[in-house]
Amino acid sequence: MAVAFLLNEEREVLFLQKRETDSFFAGFLVPIGGHIESSEINEPQNACFREIEEETGLKSNDIKNLTLRYIIHRNKENQEIRIQYVFFGNVSKNTTLIESKEGSLHWVSFKDIPSRNVSATTNEIVNHFNEIGESTRNVYVGAMSCFNGGPAINWGHLEDWEM
């Protein structure tokens, strides 16, 4: 998957609220994004731009500084390794949005995200970004795990060993 946390000048993030009838995260607020097509497997940023346009109507030139910040790994039921590429970018709150059939669009204050109906992964990303990620330009890799009976992400800073 490739998703984006799109922030406006008021430090709000654009979320898609999934329909209550959806089978995946029904009623949840999710970052803009979705599945990577087979032709995009080596270009997750292109997949992210495509998903942003499909879900919001925003074009790539509406978005500033879309940058890879996180790569999350999850072992789903010991059957499938899931990888999520997480980008952060900026967009003007005054930019015209076009809702898709996938759900409704909402601006949510960054500080309010943990109190909203979001996934554990979203909460972990927001917490890490607030504590560490915002003050760096690093890319972080996270492995989903269980800690004290709840979800957690073990973080590592991705770097080139040749540097």
Protein backbone atom coordinates (compact mmCIF):
# COMPACT_ATOMS: atom_id res chain seq x y z
CA MET A 1 0.00 0.00 0.00
CA ALA A 2 0.97 3.63 -0.46
CA VAL A 3 -0.66 6.32 1.67
CA ALA A 4 -0.20 10.01 2.29
CA PHE A 5 -0.54 12.28 5.28
CA LEU A 6 -1.41 15.52 3.50
CA LEU A 7 -1.03 18.51 5.81
CA ASN A 8 -2.40 21.99 5.23
CA GLU A 9 -1.17 25.33 6.55
CA GLU A 10 -3.31 24.92 9.70
CA ARG A 11 -1.58 21.61 10.57
CA GLU A 12 -4.62 19.57 9.65
CA VAL A 13 -4.39 16.22 7.84
CA LEU A 14 -6.73 15.21 5.05
CA PHE A 15 -8.43 11.88 5.82
CA LEU A 16 -10.90 9.69 3.98
CA GLN A 17 -13.72 8.42 6.17
CA LYS A 18 -14.59 4.96 4.95
CA ARG A 19 -18.26 4.12 4.47
CA GLU A 20 -19.96 2.13 7.24
CA THR A 21 -20.73 -0.59 4.68
CA ASP A 22 -17.10 -1.10 3.65
CA SER A 23 -15.50 -4.42 4.50
CA PHE A 24 -12.09 -2.81 5.19
CA PHE A 25 -11.91 -0.29 8.08
CA ALA A 26 -15.63 0.53 7.90
CA GLY A 27 -16.29 3.97 9.42
CA PHE A 28 -12.59 4.62 10.08
CA LEU A 29 -10.65 7.72 9.12
CA VAL A 30 -7.76 6.57 6.93
CA PRO A 31 -4.90 8.43 5.25
CA ILE A 32 -5.40 9.05 1.55
CA GLY A 33 -4.05 6.12 -0.45
CA GLY A 34 -4.48 2.49 -1.27
CA HIS A 35 -3.09 -0.54 -3.02
CA ILE A 36 -0.10 -0.46 -5.31
CA GLU A 37 -0.84 -1.83 -8.78
CA SER A 38 1.57 -4.42 -10.23
CA SER A 39 2.91 -1.87 -12.72
CA GLU A 40 3.76 0.47 -9.80
CA ILE A 41 5.52 -2.05 -7.56
CA ASN A 42 8.88 -0.28 -7.91
CA GLU A 43 7.34 3.21 -7.84
CA PRO A 44 5.27 3.58 -4.66
CA GLN A 45 5.25 7.39 -4.95
CA ASN A 46 3.51 7.11 -8.34
CA ALA A 47 0.95 4.79 -6.75
CA CYS A 48 0.44 7.32 -3.98
CA PHE A 49 -0.12 10.17 -6.47
CA ARG A 50 -2.61 8.00 -8.39
CA GLU A 51 -4.54 7.11 -5.23
CA ILE A 52 -4.57 10.75 -4.08
CA GLU A 53 -6.08 11.83 -7.39
CA GLU A 54 -8.66 9.00 -7.35
CA GLU A 55 -9.80 9.76 -3.79
CA THR A 56 -9.53 13.58 -3.68
CA GLY A 57 -9.23 14.94 -7.21
CA LEU A 58 -5.88 16.52 -6.25
CA LYS A 59 -3.24 16.46 -8.98
CA SER A 60 0.47 16.00 -8.31
CA ASN A 61 1.11 19.73 -8.87
CA ASP A 62 -1.40 20.51 -6.04
CA ILE A 63 0.87 18.66 -3.58
CA LYS A 64 4.17 20.02 -2.34
CA ASN A 65 7.07 17.98 -0.97
CA LEU A 66 5.46 14.52 -1.09
CA THR A 67 8.24 12.59 0.62
CA LEU A 68 8.62 9.00 1.78
CA ARG A 69 8.92 9.03 5.59
CA TYR A 70 7.88 5.56 6.76
CA ILE A 71 7.84 1.96 5.54
CA ILE A 72 5.71 -0.32 7.70
CA HIS A 73 5.97 -4.14 7.65
CA ARG A 74 3.29 -6.44 9.00
CA ASN A 75 3.00 -10.22 9.06
CA LYS A 76 -0.73 -10.71 8.45
CA GLU A 77 -1.85 -13.95 10.12
CA ASN A 78 1.48 -15.60 9.23
CA GLN A 79 0.16 -15.79 5.67
CA GLU A 80 1.20 -12.55 4.04
CA ILE A 81 3.85 -9.88 4.53
CA ARG A 82 2.22 -6.49 4.04
CA ILE A 83 4.26 -3.40 3.24
CA GLN A 84 2.92 0.12 3.54
CA TYR A 85 4.79 3.13 2.15
CA VAL A 86 3.85 6.28 4.05
CA PHE A 87 4.43 9.69 2.49
CA PHE A 88 4.01 13.14 4.00
CA GLY A 89 3.22 16.19 1.88
CA ASN A 90 1.63 19.61 1.94
CA VAL A 91 -1.52 20.90 0.28
CA SER A 92 -3.47 24.12 0.62
CA LYS A 93 -6.72 23.86 2.55
CA ASN A 94 -8.28 26.07 -0.15
CA THR A 95 -7.54 23.57 -2.92
CA THR A 96 -10.72 22.15 -4.41
CA LEU A 97 -11.37 18.56 -3.37
CA ILE A 98 -13.54 16.07 -5.24
CA GLU A 99 -14.88 13.22 -3.15
CA SER A 100 -14.91 9.69 -4.52
CA LYS A 101 -17.35 6.87 -3.92
CA GLU A 102 -14.88 5.46 -1.36
CA GLY A 103 -15.94 7.85 1.41
CA SER A 104 -16.04 11.43 2.59
CA LEU A 105 -13.05 13.74 3.04
CA HIS A 106 -12.27 15.43 6.36
CA TRP A 107 -9.56 17.75 7.64
CA VAL A 108 -8.46 16.63 11.12
CA SER A 109 -6.13 18.60 13.37
CA PHE A 110 -2.87 16.68 13.75
CA LYS A 111 -3.12 16.84 17.55
CA ASP A 112 -6.66 15.37 17.46
CA ILE A 113 -5.84 12.30 15.36
CA PRO A 114 -5.18 9.94 18.32
CA SER A 115 -8.65 10.64 19.73
CA ARG A 116 -10.39 9.86 16.43
CA ASN A 117 -11.48 6.56 14.90
CA VAL A 118 -8.18 5.65 13.22
CA SER A 119 -6.18 2.43 12.93
CA ALA A 120 -3.44 1.41 15.34
CA THR A 121 -0.93 1.89 12.51
CA THR A 122 -2.07 5.48 11.99
CA ASN A 123 -1.77 6.18 15.73
CA GLU A 124 1.73 4.71 15.86
CA ILE A 125 2.85 6.79 12.86
CA VAL A 126 1.39 9.99 14.32
CA ASN A 127 3.01 9.33 17.71
CA HIS A 128 6.40 8.66 16.14
CA PHE A 129 6.15 11.68 13.85
CA ASN A 130 5.32 13.92 16.83
CA GLU A 131 8.13 12.52 18.98
CA ILE A 132 10.92 12.07 16.41
CA GLY A 133 9.97 12.08 12.74
CA GLU A 134 8.98 15.71 12.37
CA SER A 135 12.37 16.96 13.52
CA THR A 136 14.28 14.89 10.94
CA ARG A 137 14.16 14.14 7.22
CA ASN A 138 14.92 10.46 7.85
CA VAL A 139 12.99 7.50 6.52
CA TYR A 140 11.92 5.09 9.26
CA VAL A 141 11.13 1.41 8.92
CA GLY A 142 8.62 -0.07 11.33
CA ALA A 143 7.77 -3.67 12.13
CA MET A 144 4.32 -4.25 13.56
CA SER A 145 4.28 -6.28 16.75
CA CYS A 146 2.23 -6.98 19.83
CA PHE A 147 3.28 -5.28 23.07
CA ASN A 148 1.40 -5.83 26.34
CA GLY A 149 -1.54 -7.22 24.38
CA GLY A 150 -1.81 -4.26 22.03
CA PRO A 151 -0.36 -3.19 18.70
CA ALA A 152 3.01 -1.51 18.55
CA ILE A 153 5.63 -0.67 15.96
CA ASN A 154 9.35 -1.27 16.46
CA TRP A 155 11.13 1.56 14.65
CA GLY A 156 14.47 1.73 12.90
CA HIS A 157 16.11 4.51 10.94
CA LEU A 158 16.74 3.48 7.33
CA GLU A 159 20.18 4.42 6.12
CA ASP A 160 22.71 3.41 3.50
CA TRP A 161 25.48 1.36 5.09
CA GLU A 162 27.99 2.71 2.55
CA MET A 163 27.72 6.29 3.83
